[in-house]
C-alpha atoms as a PDB file:
ATOM      1  CA  MET A   1      86.522 109.730  97.952  1.00  0.00           C
ATOM      2  CA  ARG A   2      85.692 110.459 101.647  1.00  0.00           C
ATOM      3  CA  ARG A   3      88.398 112.458 103.332  1.00  0.00           C
ATOM      4  CA  LEU A   4      89.771 111.861 106.811  1.00  0.00           C
ATOM      5  CA  VAL A   5      88.705 114.734 109.188  1.00  0.00           C
ATOM      6  CA  LEU A   6      91.466 115.199 111.621  1.00  0.00           C
ATOM      7  CA  VAL A   7      89.938 117.388 114.280  1.00  0.00           C
ATOM      8  CA  GLY A   8      88.736 116.833 117.738  1.00  0.00           C
ATOM      9  CA  THR A   9      88.789 113.080 118.461  1.00  0.00           C
ATOM     10  CA  GLY A  10      90.366 112.866 115.067  1.00  0.00           C
ATOM     11  CA  PHE A  11      93.706 113.614 116.989  1.00  0.00           C
ATOM     12  CA  LEU A  12      93.778 109.798 117.738  1.00  0.00           C
ATOM     13  CA  VAL A  13      93.287 108.867 114.177  1.00  0.00           C
ATOM     14  CA  ALA A  14      96.087 111.142 113.220  1.00  0.00           C
ATOM     15  CA  LEU A  15      98.469 109.553 115.684  1.00  0.00           C
ATOM     16  CA  ILE A  16      97.460 106.124 114.399  1.00  0.00           C
ATOM     17  CA  LEU A  17      97.999 107.150 110.885  1.00  0.00           C
ATOM     18  CA  LEU A  18     101.381 108.617 111.668  1.00  0.00           C
ATOM     19  CA  ALA A  19     102.312 105.097 112.807  1.00  0.00           C
ATOM     20  CA  VAL A  20     100.463 103.151 110.137  1.00  0.00           C
ATOM     21  CA  LEU A  21     103.305 103.128 107.543  1.00  0.00           C
ATOM     22  CA  ASP A  22     105.863 101.797 109.926  1.00  0.00           C
ATOM     23  CA  THR A  23     107.229 104.873 111.449  1.00  0.00           C
ATOM     24  CA  VAL A  24     107.342 103.856 115.110  1.00  0.00           C
ATOM     25  CA  GLU A  25     110.835 103.362 116.362  1.00  0.00           C
ATOM     26  CA  LYS A  26     109.852 100.651 118.856  1.00  0.00           C
ATOM     27  CA  GLY A  27     110.935  97.089 118.302  1.00  0.00           C
ATOM     28  CA  SER A  28     113.670  97.938 115.919  1.00  0.00           C
ATOM     29  CA  ALA A  29     115.338  94.551 116.629  1.00  0.00           C
ATOM     30  CA  ILE A  30     113.798  91.122 116.615  1.00  0.00           C
ATOM     31  CA  SER A  31     115.264  87.594 117.020  1.00  0.00           C
ATOM     32  CA  LEU A  32     115.001  84.782 114.510  1.00  0.00           C
ATOM     33  CA  LYS A  33     116.207  81.734 116.407  1.00  0.00           C
ATOM     34  CA  GLU A  34     119.871  82.487 117.129  1.00  0.00           C
ATOM     35  CA  GLU A  35     119.953  85.340 114.619  1.00  0.00           C
ATOM     36  CA  GLN A  36     119.309  88.976 115.665  1.00  0.00           C
ATOM     37  CA  LEU A  37     117.330  90.829 113.011  1.00  0.00           C
ATOM     38  CA  VAL A  38     117.511  94.533 112.885  1.00  0.00           C
ATOM     39  CA  ILE A  39     115.558  97.116 110.798  1.00  0.00           C
ATOM     40  CA  PHE A  40     117.872  98.069 107.877  1.00  0.00           C
ATOM     41  CA  GLN A  41     118.249 101.918 107.249  1.00  0.00           C
ATOM     42  CA  PHE A  42     118.546 103.670 103.894  1.00  0.00           C
ATOM     43  CA  ASP A  43     121.217 105.979 105.247  1.00  0.00           C
ATOM     44  CA  THR A  44     123.325 103.162 106.627  1.00  0.00           C
ATOM     45  CA  PRO A  45     125.989 102.257 103.986  1.00  0.00           C
ATOM     46  CA  GLU A  46     125.987  98.518 104.692  1.00  0.00           C
ATOM     47  CA  HIS A  47     122.243  98.380 104.328  1.00  0.00           C
ATOM     48  CA  GLU A  48     121.903 100.354 101.208  1.00  0.00           C
ATOM     49  CA  ALA A  49     122.462  97.415  98.656  1.00  0.00           C
ATOM     50  CA  ILE A  50     119.711  95.238 100.007  1.00  0.00           C
ATOM     51  CA  LEU A  51     117.192  97.981 100.471  1.00  0.00           C
ATOM     52  CA  ASN A  52     117.753  99.548  97.028  1.00  0.00           C
ATOM     53  CA  SER A  53     117.871  96.226  95.041  1.00  0.00           C
ATOM     54  CA  PRO A  54     114.929  94.164  93.728  1.00  0.00           C
ATOM     55  CA  THR A  55     114.294  91.112  95.899  1.00  0.00           C
ATOM     56  CA  GLN A  56     114.518  87.501  94.867  1.00  0.00           C
ATOM     57  CA  PRO A  57     111.542  85.112  94.481  1.00  0.00           C
ATOM     58  CA  VAL A  58     111.070  82.465  97.172  1.00  0.00           C
ATOM     59  CA  ARG A  59     111.568  79.250  95.366  1.00  0.00           C
ATOM     60  CA  LYS A  60     110.684  76.633  97.966  1.00  0.00           C
ATOM     61  CA  LEU A  61     107.401  76.635  99.912  1.00  0.00           C
ATOM     62  CA  PRO A  62     106.663  75.516 102.564  1.00  0.00           C
ATOM     63  CA  ASP A  63     110.190  76.231 104.079  1.00  0.00           C
ATOM     64  CA  LYS A  64     111.071  76.279 107.833  1.00  0.00           C
ATOM     65  CA  ARG A  65     113.373  79.272 107.244  1.00  0.00           C
ATOM     66  CA  ILE A  66     110.429  81.209 105.715  1.00  0.00           C
ATOM     67  CA  ASP A  67     108.221  80.239 108.545  1.00  0.00           C
ATOM     68  CA  ALA A  68     110.646  81.308 111.124  1.00  0.00           C
ATOM     69  CA  LEU A  69     111.112  84.726 109.335  1.00  0.00           C
ATOM     70  CA  ILE A  70     107.408  85.197 109.127  1.00  0.00           C
ATOM     71  CA  ASP A  71     106.968  84.436 112.867  1.00  0.00           C
ATOM     72  CA  ALA A  72     109.691  87.063 113.659  1.00  0.00           C
ATOM     73  CA  MET A  73     108.204  89.613 111.445  1.00  0.00           C
ATOM     74  CA  GLN A  74     104.680  89.040 112.757  1.00  0.00           C
ATOM     75  CA  LYS A  75     105.994  90.115 116.177  1.00  0.00           C
ATOM     76  CA  MET A  76     106.415  93.632 114.657  1.00  0.00           C
ATOM     77  CA  ILE A  77     102.885  93.847 113.263  1.00  0.00           C
ATOM     78  CA  THR A  78     101.034  95.681 115.892  1.00  0.00           C
ATOM     79  CA  THR A  79      98.651  98.788 115.925  1.00  0.00           C
ATOM     80  CA  ASN A  80     101.951 100.759 115.625  1.00  0.00           C
ATOM     81  CA  VAL A  81     103.201  98.981 112.463  1.00  0.00           C
ATOM     82  CA  ALA A  82     100.996  98.153 109.492  1.00  0.00           C
ATOM     83  CA  GLY A  83     103.429  96.459 107.284  1.00  0.00           C
ATOM     84  CA  ILE A  84     106.993  95.209 106.801  1.00  0.00           C
ATOM     85  CA  SER A  85     109.025  93.693 104.061  1.00  0.00           C
ATOM     86  CA  ALA A  86     111.634  90.929 104.288  1.00  0.00           C
ATOM     87  CA  ASN A  87     114.445  93.241 102.961  1.00  0.00           C
ATOM     88  CA  GLN A  88     113.794  95.694 105.804  1.00  0.00           C
ATOM     89  CA  VAL A  89     115.193  92.959 108.082  1.00  0.00           C
ATOM     90  CA  GLY A  90     117.986  92.093 105.643  1.00  0.00           C
ATOM     91  CA  LYS A  91     116.478  89.191 103.812  1.00  0.00           C
ATOM     92  CA  PRO A  92     116.397  89.694 100.046  1.00  0.00           C
ATOM     93  CA  TRP A  93     113.130  87.711  99.426  1.00  0.00           C
ATOM     94  CA  GLN A  94     109.808  88.696  97.808  1.00  0.00           C
ATOM     95  CA  LEU A  95     107.826  88.724 101.006  1.00  0.00           C
ATOM     96  CA  PHE A  96     105.909  91.182 103.049  1.00  0.00           C
ATOM     97  CA  LEU A  97     103.265  91.304 105.736  1.00  0.00           C
ATOM     98  CA  ILE A  98     100.363  93.809 106.063  1.00  0.00           C
ATOM     99  CA  ALA A  99      97.915  94.304 108.897  1.00  0.00           C
ATOM    100  CA  PRO A 100      96.402  97.781 108.806  1.00  0.00           C
ATOM    101  CA  PRO A 101      94.667  98.578 112.206  1.00  0.00           C
ATOM    102  CA  PRO A 102      90.818  98.142 111.988  1.00  0.00           C
ATOM    103  CA  MET A 103      90.234 101.664 113.386  1.00  0.00           C
ATOM    104  CA  VAL A 104      91.419 103.134 110.064  1.00  0.00           C
ATOM    105  CA  ASN A 105      88.956 101.196 107.973  1.00  0.00           C
ATOM    106  CA  SER A 106      91.092  98.134 107.185  1.00  0.00           C
ATOM    107  CA  SER A 107      89.337  95.208 105.298  1.00  0.00           C
ATOM    108  CA  ALA A 108      92.279  92.910 105.189  1.00  0.00           C
ATOM    109  CA  PRO A 109      93.309  90.614 108.138  1.00  0.00           C
ATOM    110  CA  PRO A 110      96.992  90.186 108.969  1.00  0.00           C
ATOM    111  CA  GLU A 111      98.298  88.353 105.914  1.00  0.00           C
ATOM    112  CA  VAL A 112     101.523  87.149 104.300  1.00  0.00           C
ATOM    113  CA  PHE A 113     102.264  87.948 100.665  1.00  0.00           C
ATOM    114  CA  ILE A 114     104.958  85.852  99.074  1.00  0.00           C
ATOM    115  CA  ASN A 115     106.141  86.433  95.482  1.00  0.00           C
ATOM    116  CA  PRO A 116     103.485  89.116  94.934  1.00  0.00           C
ATOM    117  CA  VAL A 117     102.368  90.580  91.618  1.00  0.00           C
ATOM    118  CA  ILE A 118     100.023  93.596  91.208  1.00  0.00           C
ATOM    119  CA  THR A 119      97.749  92.347  88.410  1.00  0.00           C
ATOM    120  CA  GLY A 120      95.039  95.021  88.382  1.00  0.00           C
ATOM    121  CA  VAL A 121      94.765  98.672  89.266  1.00  0.00           C
ATOM    122  CA  SER A 122      92.245 101.584  89.349  1.00  0.00           C
ATOM    123  CA  ARG A 123      92.467 104.546  87.267  1.00  0.00           C
ATOM    124  CA  ASP A 124      91.952 106.712  90.359  1.00  0.00           C
ATOM    125  CA  LYS A 125      94.832 107.491  92.706  1.00  0.00           C
ATOM    126  CA  VAL A 126      95.146 108.762  96.234  1.00  0.00           C
ATOM    127  CA  CYS A 127      97.984 110.744  97.858  1.00  0.00           C
ATOM    128  CA  PHE A 128      99.195 109.820 101.299  1.00  0.00           C
ATOM    129  CA  TRP A 129     101.975 111.006 103.605  1.00  0.00           C
ATOM    130  CA  HIS A 130     104.379 108.062 103.849  1.00  0.00           C
ATOM    131  CA  GLY A 131     106.869 107.223 106.623  1.00  0.00           C
ATOM    132  CA  CYS A 132     108.990 104.223 107.117  1.00  0.00           C
ATOM    133  CA  LEU A 133     110.860 102.172 109.711  1.00  0.00           C
ATOM    134  CA  SER A 134     113.790 102.083 107.308  1.00  0.00           C
ATOM    135  CA  SER A 135     113.779 105.916 107.146  1.00  0.00           C
ATOM    136  CA  LYS A 136     114.037 106.369 110.860  1.00  0.00           C
ATOM    137  CA  GLY A 137     113.930 110.134 111.851  1.00  0.00           C
ATOM    138  CA  LYS A 138     113.341 111.257 108.250  1.00  0.00           C
ATOM    139  CA  PRO A 139     110.506 113.478 107.063  1.00  0.00           C
ATOM    140  CA  PHE A 140     107.283 112.108 105.793  1.00  0.00           C
ATOM    141  CA  GLY A 141     106.939 112.227 101.978  1.00  0.00           C
ATOM    142  CA  LYS A 142     103.638 112.675  99.979  1.00  0.00           C
ATOM    143  CA  THR A 143     103.254 110.241  97.108  1.00  0.00           C
ATOM    144  CA  ALA A 144     100.318 108.826  95.046  1.00  0.00           C
ATOM    145  CA  THR A 145      99.254 105.253  94.851  1.00  0.00           C
ATOM    146  CA  TRP A 146      96.469 103.397  93.073  1.00  0.00           C
ATOM    147  CA  LYS A 147      93.183 103.700  94.959  1.00  0.00           C
ATOM    148  CA  LYS A 148      92.489 100.013  94.360  1.00  0.00           C
ATOM    149  CA  ILE A 149      94.715  97.131  93.405  1.00  0.00           C
ATOM    150  CA  THR A 150      94.342  93.465  92.723  1.00  0.00           C
ATOM    151  CA  ILE A 151      97.368  91.418  93.941  1.00  0.00           C
ATOM    152  CA  GLN A 152      98.293  87.819  93.331  1.00  0.00           C
ATOM    153  CA  ALA A 153     100.669  86.014  95.797  1.00  0.00           C
ATOM    154  CA  GLN A 154     101.345  82.797  97.617  1.00  0.00           C
ATOM    155  CA  ASP A 155     100.815  82.021 101.266  1.00  0.00           C
ATOM    156  CA  ALA A 156     103.380  80.386 103.486  1.00  0.00           C
ATOM    157  CA  ARG A 157     102.378  76.843 102.372  1.00  0.00           C
ATOM    158  CA  GLY A 158     102.796  77.859  98.745  1.00  0.00           C
ATOM    159  CA  LYS A 159      99.081  78.192  97.876  1.00  0.00           C
ATOM    160  CA  PRO A 160      98.279  80.930  95.453  1.00  0.00           C
ATOM    161  CA  PHE A 161      95.718  83.492  96.255  1.00  0.00           C
ATOM    162  CA  THR A 162      94.323  86.785  94.902  1.00  0.00           C
ATOM    163  CA  ARG A 163      93.241  89.848  96.918  1.00  0.00           C
ATOM    164  CA  ASP A 164      91.342  92.960  95.959  1.00  0.00           C
ATOM    165  CA  LEU A 165      92.610  95.780  98.156  1.00  0.00           C
ATOM    166  CA  THR A 166      91.181  99.305  98.651  1.00  0.00           C
ATOM    167  CA  GLY A 167      91.788 102.115 101.153  1.00  0.00           C
ATOM    168  CA  MET A 168      94.574 101.841 103.630  1.00  0.00           C
ATOM    169  CA  ASP A 169      95.023  98.185 102.680  1.00  0.00           C
ATOM    170  CA  ALA A 170      96.012  99.200  99.095  1.00  0.00           C
ATOM    171  CA  ILE A 171      98.314 101.970 100.340  1.00  0.00           C
ATOM    172  CA  VAL A 172     100.189  99.753 102.703  1.00  0.00           C
ATOM    173  CA  ALA A 173     100.529  96.895 100.212  1.00  0.00           C
ATOM    174  CA  GLN A 174     101.856  99.347  97.648  1.00  0.00           C
ATOM    175  CA  HIS A 175     104.288 100.862 100.213  1.00  0.00           C
ATOM    176  CA  GLU A 176     105.597  97.323 101.010  1.00  0.00           C
ATOM    177  CA  PHE A 177     105.784  96.306  97.276  1.00  0.00           C
ATOM    178  CA  ARG A 178     107.910  99.448  96.667  1.00  0.00           C
ATOM    179  CA  HIS A 179     110.372  98.053  99.127  1.00  0.00           C
ATOM    180  CA  LEU A 180     110.478  94.605  97.237  1.00  0.00           C
ATOM    181  CA  LEU A 181     111.279  96.443  94.002  1.00  0.00           C
ATOM    182  CA  GLY A 182     114.012  98.423  95.755  1.00  0.00           C
ATOM    183  CA  GLY A 183     113.986 101.829  97.249  1.00  0.00           C
ATOM    184  CA  GLY A 184     111.341 103.822  99.115  1.00  0.00           C
ATOM    185  CA  TYR A 185     108.963 106.810  99.143  1.00  0.00           C
ATOM    186  CA  HIS A 186     111.795 109.248  99.634  1.00  0.00           C
ATOM    187  CA  GLU A 187     112.969 108.683  96.072  1.00  0.00           C
ATOM    188  CA  HIS A 188     109.553 109.462  94.586  1.00  0.00           C
ATOM    189  CA  ALA A 189     108.045 112.151  96.802  1.00  0.00           C
ATOM    190  CA  SER A 190     108.762 115.838  95.957  1.00  0.00           C
ATOM    191  CA  GLU A 191     107.048 117.356  99.049  1.00  0.00           C
ATOM    192  CA  PHE A 192     108.274 116.567 102.561  1.00  0.00           C
ATOM    193  CA  HIS A 193     107.417 117.618 106.078  1.00  0.00           C
ATOM    194  CA  GLU A 194     108.821 116.700 109.602  1.00  0.00           C
ATOM    195  CA  GLU A 195     106.231 114.935 111.847  1.00  0.00           C
ATOM    196  CA  MET A 196     105.286 117.888 114.061  1.00  0.00           C
ATOM    197  CA  GLU A 197     105.086 120.220 111.109  1.00  0.00           C
ATOM    198  CA  LEU A 198     102.920 117.820 109.268  1.00  0.00           C
ATOM    199  CA  MET A 199     100.631 117.465 112.294  1.00  0.00           C
ATOM    200  CA  ARG A 200     100.286 121.242 112.587  1.00  0.00           C
ATOM    201  CA  LEU A 201      99.360 121.511 108.865  1.00  0.00           C
ATOM    202  CA  ILE A 202      96.724 118.819 109.224  1.00  0.00           C
ATOM    203  CA  PHE A 203      95.185 120.475 112.312  1.00  0.00           C
ATOM    204  CA  GLN A 204      95.126 123.718 110.340  1.00  0.00           C
ATOM    205  CA  LYS A 205      93.387 121.819 107.528  1.00  0.00           C
ATOM    206  CA  LYS A 206      96.164 122.852 105.058  1.00  0.00           C
ATOM    207  CA  GLU A 207      97.105 119.179 104.531  1.00  0.00           C
ATOM    208  CA  HIS A 208      95.302 115.855 104.537  1.00  0.00           C
ATOM    209  CA  PHE A 209      96.855 112.528 105.380  1.00  0.00           C
ATOM    210  CA  ILE A 210      95.041 110.965 102.463  1.00  0.00           C
ATOM    211  CA  GLU A 211      93.184 112.580  99.579  1.00  0.00           C
ATOM    212  CA  VAL A 212      92.264 112.077  95.977  1.00  0.00           C
ATOM    213  CA  CYS A 213      95.050 113.196  93.576  1.00  0.00           C
ATOM    214  CA  ASP A 214      95.606 113.451  89.846  1.00  0.00           C
ATOM    215  CA  ASP A 215      98.191 112.107  87.512  1.00  0.00           C
ATOM    216  CA  LYS A 216     100.550 115.040  88.134  1.00  0.00           C
ATOM    217  CA  ALA A 217     101.281 113.847  91.739  1.00  0.00           C
ATOM    218  CA  PRO A 218     104.543 111.990  92.229  1.00  0.00           C
ATOM    219  CA  PHE A 219     103.771 108.211  91.959  1.00  0.00           C
ATOM    220  CA  LEU A 220     105.231 105.635  94.300  1.00  0.00           C
ATOM    221  CA  LEU A 221     105.306 102.818  91.766  1.00  0.00           C
ATOM    222  CA  GLU A 222     106.026 105.019  88.709  1.00  0.00           C
ATOM    223  CA  ASP A 223     108.491 102.594  87.207  1.00  0.00           C
ATOM    224  CA  TYR A 224     106.404  99.363  87.677  1.00  0.00           C
ATOM    225  CA  ARG A 225     104.084  97.859  85.112  1.00  0.00           C
ATOM    226  CA  PRO A 226     101.113  95.979  86.444  1.00  0.00           C
ATOM    227  CA  GLY A 227     101.295  92.282  85.855  1.00  0.00           C
ATOM    228  CA  GLU A 228     105.028  92.334  86.015  1.00  0.00           C
ATOM    229  CA  HIS A 229     106.966  89.886  88.249  1.00  0.00           C
ATOM    230  CA  ILE A 230     109.655  91.624  90.318  1.00  0.00           C
ATOM    231  CA  GLU A 231     112.420  89.720  88.493  1.00  0.00           C
ATOM    232  CA  GLU A 232     110.905  90.966  85.104  1.00  0.00           C
ATOM    233  CA  TYR A 233     110.908  94.415  86.499  1.00  0.00           C
ATOM    234  CA  ALA A 234     114.615  94.059  87.539  1.00  0.00           C
ATOM    235  CA  LYS A 235     115.599  92.907  84.078  1.00  0.00           C
ATOM    236  CA  ARG A 236     113.736  95.624  82.311  1.00  0.00           C
ATOM    237  CA  THR A 237     114.915  98.467  84.536  1.00  0.00           C
ATOM    238  CA  GLY A 238     118.568  97.077  84.583  1.00  0.00           C
ATOM    239  CA  HIS A 239     118.577  96.803  88.422  1.00  0.00           C
END
């Protein structure tokens, strides 16, 4: 796989990638009609249960409540935030949005994934330095994800669809899918760096934001079986 070269004008790419997996602290609160939505944090006791538990399927579509939630979440999808899940704003539903910026080779438009299931995966994996809005101020962690995935889901009208995702699209989708399963990258990574230290290592070419890795690397979705619905995962794992 082609590696990202983070030198010279690559500094801009590095900054974008730092923000790609929802690490920017801007817009930490959004409003859903009369309700104020905040970004839930893993280290906040009252937020732990919803962030660490498998989410529930959306049973009714279309639904005005879901439409309002999507509208509110979409306001956070900018060049600074590439993805967000419903439980990050306190809603225990199987729903996430992704919109990787086009300057980092995105192939997917901003899109809503409801009741998603990863049905197909590649043998190849890539390692990426993950950050998260729900891990505000925490170090980046390096974990592996599948290089390519096929994901089935529903849109806001309830219509089923299938997407084949690669590159950053696949990484972001798996990052958000991890949220829906419960937990985050910090539970699976074994190597961590603070933001400025990571930037220094990248400019010294001692680290790469994204690179091919083998089966020995810590895997973000290590406890998930492709083709499994989230409620099946929850029952099997006892969550």
